Amino acid sequence: MRNAVMSGYGFASVVVEAGENSGARIQARLAVEHGRPVILLHSVVEATSWAPRLINQPGVYVTGGAVDVLGVVDELRRDPAEADRVLSDLAACSS
């Protein structure tokens, strides 16, 4: 339940480290199912069998490190449709 809440509450789920059966893996999967952005570090994609299956999903981004993550977040913030959707989802969660 925590992973489902966290995947919907944040602007995006950023996975910097995760094992094959980790909560981060569950959160990333749920975020994709909910249409939320997921940012995976390239090291996670290389080290797991589940992450490569996510990279062709809409809203999934693969980055090399912190600077790239911030760049993706900045781009998502600049997309008005994405920002409006995320903000309306957050408002619905808080009411």
C-alpha atoms as a PDB file:
ATOM      1  CA  MET A   1       0.000   0.000   0.000  1.00  0.00           C
ATOM      2  CA  ARG A   2       2.846   2.410   0.830  1.00  0.00           C
ATOM      3  CA  ASN A   3       4.364   1.979  -2.625  1.00  0.00           C
ATOM      4  CA  ALA A   4       1.020   2.722  -4.284  1.00  0.00           C
ATOM      5  CA  VAL A   5       0.570   5.881  -2.211  1.00  0.00           C
ATOM      6  CA  MET A   6       4.120   7.073  -2.872  1.00  0.00           C
ATOM      7  CA  SER A   7       3.848   6.436  -6.616  1.00  0.00           C
ATOM      8  CA  GLY A   8       0.767   8.644  -6.798  1.00  0.00           C
ATOM      9  CA  TYR A   9       1.789  11.331  -4.314  1.00  0.00           C
ATOM     10  CA  GLY A  10       5.051  12.489  -5.857  1.00  0.00           C
ATOM     11  CA  PHE A  11       5.659  14.441  -9.042  1.00  0.00           C
ATOM     12  CA  ALA A  12       7.716  11.514 -10.337  1.00  0.00           C
ATOM     13  CA  SER A  13       9.243   8.324  -8.953  1.00  0.00           C
ATOM     14  CA  VAL A  14      13.034   8.357  -9.177  1.00  0.00           C
ATOM     15  CA  VAL A  15      14.683   4.956  -8.815  1.00  0.00           C
ATOM     16  CA  VAL A  16      18.380   5.221  -7.976  1.00  0.00           C
ATOM     17  CA  GLU A  17      18.854   1.728  -6.567  1.00  0.00           C
ATOM     18  CA  ALA A  18      16.586  -1.293  -6.504  1.00  0.00           C
ATOM     19  CA  GLY A  19      16.756  -5.040  -6.326  1.00  0.00           C
ATOM     20  CA  GLU A  20      14.681  -7.613  -8.123  1.00  0.00           C
ATOM     21  CA  ASN A  21      12.075  -7.747  -5.335  1.00  0.00           C
ATOM     22  CA  SER A  22      12.411  -4.280  -3.830  1.00  0.00           C
ATOM     23  CA  GLY A  23       9.779  -1.758  -2.887  1.00  0.00           C
ATOM     24  CA  ALA A  24      11.300   0.653  -5.406  1.00  0.00           C
ATOM     25  CA  ARG A  25      10.538  -1.874  -8.143  1.00  0.00           C
ATOM     26  CA  ILE A  26       6.927  -2.120  -6.981  1.00  0.00           C
ATOM     27  CA  GLN A  27       6.616   1.667  -6.787  1.00  0.00           C
ATOM     28  CA  ALA A  28       8.000   2.094 -10.318  1.00  0.00           C
ATOM     29  CA  ARG A  29       5.577  -0.501 -11.691  1.00  0.00           C
ATOM     30  CA  LEU A  30       2.624   1.124  -9.927  1.00  0.00           C
ATOM     31  CA  ALA A  31       3.640   4.586 -11.108  1.00  0.00           C
ATOM     32  CA  VAL A  32       3.656   3.357 -14.720  1.00  0.00           C
ATOM     33  CA  GLU A  33       0.241   1.746 -14.200  1.00  0.00           C
ATOM     34  CA  HIS A  34      -1.067   5.056 -12.795  1.00  0.00           C
ATOM     35  CA  GLY A  35       0.405   7.044 -15.691  1.00  0.00           C
ATOM     36  CA  ARG A  36       2.955   8.792 -13.474  1.00  0.00           C
ATOM     37  CA  PRO A  37       6.497   9.655 -14.603  1.00  0.00           C
ATOM     38  CA  VAL A  38       9.266   7.238 -13.630  1.00  0.00           C
ATOM     39  CA  ILE A  39      12.944   8.145 -13.813  1.00  0.00           C
ATOM     40  CA  LEU A  40      15.372   5.215 -13.711  1.00  0.00           C
ATOM     41  CA  LEU A  41      19.107   5.502 -13.350  1.00  0.00           C
ATOM     42  CA  HIS A  42      20.962   3.690 -16.113  1.00  0.00           C
ATOM     43  CA  SER A  43      22.707   1.594 -13.436  1.00  0.00           C
ATOM     44  CA  VAL A  44      19.311   0.229 -12.320  1.00  0.00           C
ATOM     45  CA  VAL A  45      18.428  -0.687 -15.902  1.00  0.00           C
ATOM     46  CA  GLU A  46      21.733  -2.534 -16.276  1.00  0.00           C
ATOM     47  CA  ALA A  47      21.559  -4.303 -12.903  1.00  0.00           C
ATOM     48  CA  THR A  48      17.984  -5.622 -12.953  1.00  0.00           C
ATOM     49  CA  SER A  49      15.778  -7.720 -15.171  1.00  0.00           C
ATOM     50  CA  TRP A  50      12.598  -5.710 -14.486  1.00  0.00           C
ATOM     51  CA  ALA A  51      13.792  -2.174 -15.336  1.00  0.00           C
ATOM     52  CA  PRO A  52      14.545  -2.819 -19.028  1.00  0.00           C
ATOM     53  CA  ARG A  53      10.929  -3.931 -19.472  1.00  0.00           C
ATOM     54  CA  LEU A  54       9.728  -0.524 -18.255  1.00  0.00           C
ATOM     55  CA  ILE A  55      11.817   1.662 -20.548  1.00  0.00           C
ATOM     56  CA  ASN A  56       9.441   1.401 -23.505  1.00  0.00           C
ATOM     57  CA  GLN A  57       6.464   2.516 -21.416  1.00  0.00           C
ATOM     58  CA  PRO A  58       5.136   6.089 -21.738  1.00  0.00           C
ATOM     59  CA  GLY A  59       6.522   8.415 -19.079  1.00  0.00           C
ATOM     60  CA  VAL A  60       9.593   6.294 -18.266  1.00  0.00           C
ATOM     61  CA  TYR A  61      12.957   8.024 -18.556  1.00  0.00           C
ATOM     62  CA  VAL A  62      16.467   6.597 -18.186  1.00  0.00           C
ATOM     63  CA  THR A  63      19.185   8.908 -16.898  1.00  0.00           C
ATOM     64  CA  GLY A  64      22.870   8.722 -16.157  1.00  0.00           C
ATOM     65  CA  GLY A  65      22.891  10.570 -12.840  1.00  0.00           C
ATOM     66  CA  ALA A  66      21.625  13.401 -10.680  1.00  0.00           C
ATOM     67  CA  VAL A  67      22.138  16.159 -13.261  1.00  0.00           C
ATOM     68  CA  ASP A  68      20.172  14.173 -15.845  1.00  0.00           C
ATOM     69  CA  VAL A  69      17.395  13.476 -13.305  1.00  0.00           C
ATOM     70  CA  LEU A  70      17.073  17.193 -12.621  1.00  0.00           C
ATOM     71  CA  GLY A  71      16.938  17.849 -16.365  1.00  0.00           C
ATOM     72  CA  VAL A  72      14.075  15.384 -16.808  1.00  0.00           C
ATOM     73  CA  VAL A  73      12.191  16.888 -13.848  1.00  0.00           C
ATOM     74  CA  ASP A  74      12.695  20.354 -15.317  1.00  0.00           C
ATOM     75  CA  GLU A  75      11.329  19.199 -18.685  1.00  0.00           C
ATOM     76  CA  LEU A  76       8.321  17.575 -17.011  1.00  0.00           C
ATOM     77  CA  ARG A  77       7.648  20.806 -15.123  1.00  0.00           C
ATOM     78  CA  ARG A  78       7.743  22.751 -18.410  1.00  0.00           C
ATOM     79  CA  ASP A  79       5.117  20.509 -19.996  1.00  0.00           C
ATOM     80  CA  PRO A  80       1.878  22.244 -18.956  1.00  0.00           C
ATOM     81  CA  ALA A  81      -0.310  19.194 -19.595  1.00  0.00           C
ATOM     82  CA  GLU A  82       1.908  16.996 -17.408  1.00  0.00           C
ATOM     83  CA  ALA A  83       2.183  19.629 -14.688  1.00  0.00           C
ATOM     84  CA  ASP A  84      -1.602  20.194 -14.640  1.00  0.00           C
ATOM     85  CA  ARG A  85      -2.268  16.454 -14.429  1.00  0.00           C
ATOM     86  CA  VAL A  86       0.228  15.951 -11.602  1.00  0.00           C
ATOM     87  CA  LEU A  87      -1.028  18.969  -9.671  1.00  0.00           C
ATOM     88  CA  SER A  88      -4.672  17.916 -10.011  1.00  0.00           C
ATOM     89  CA  ASP A  89      -3.756  14.408  -8.828  1.00  0.00           C
ATOM     90  CA  LEU A  90      -1.954  15.893  -5.818  1.00  0.00           C
ATOM     91  CA  ALA A  91      -4.931  18.121  -5.008  1.00  0.00           C
ATOM     92  CA  ALA A  92      -7.268  15.123  -5.146  1.00  0.00           C
ATOM     93  CA  CYS A  93      -4.991  13.201  -2.777  1.00  0.00           C
ATOM     94  CA  SER A  94      -4.912  16.001  -0.217  1.00  0.00           C
ATOM     95  CA  SER A  95      -8.683  16.541  -0.098  1.00  0.00           C
END
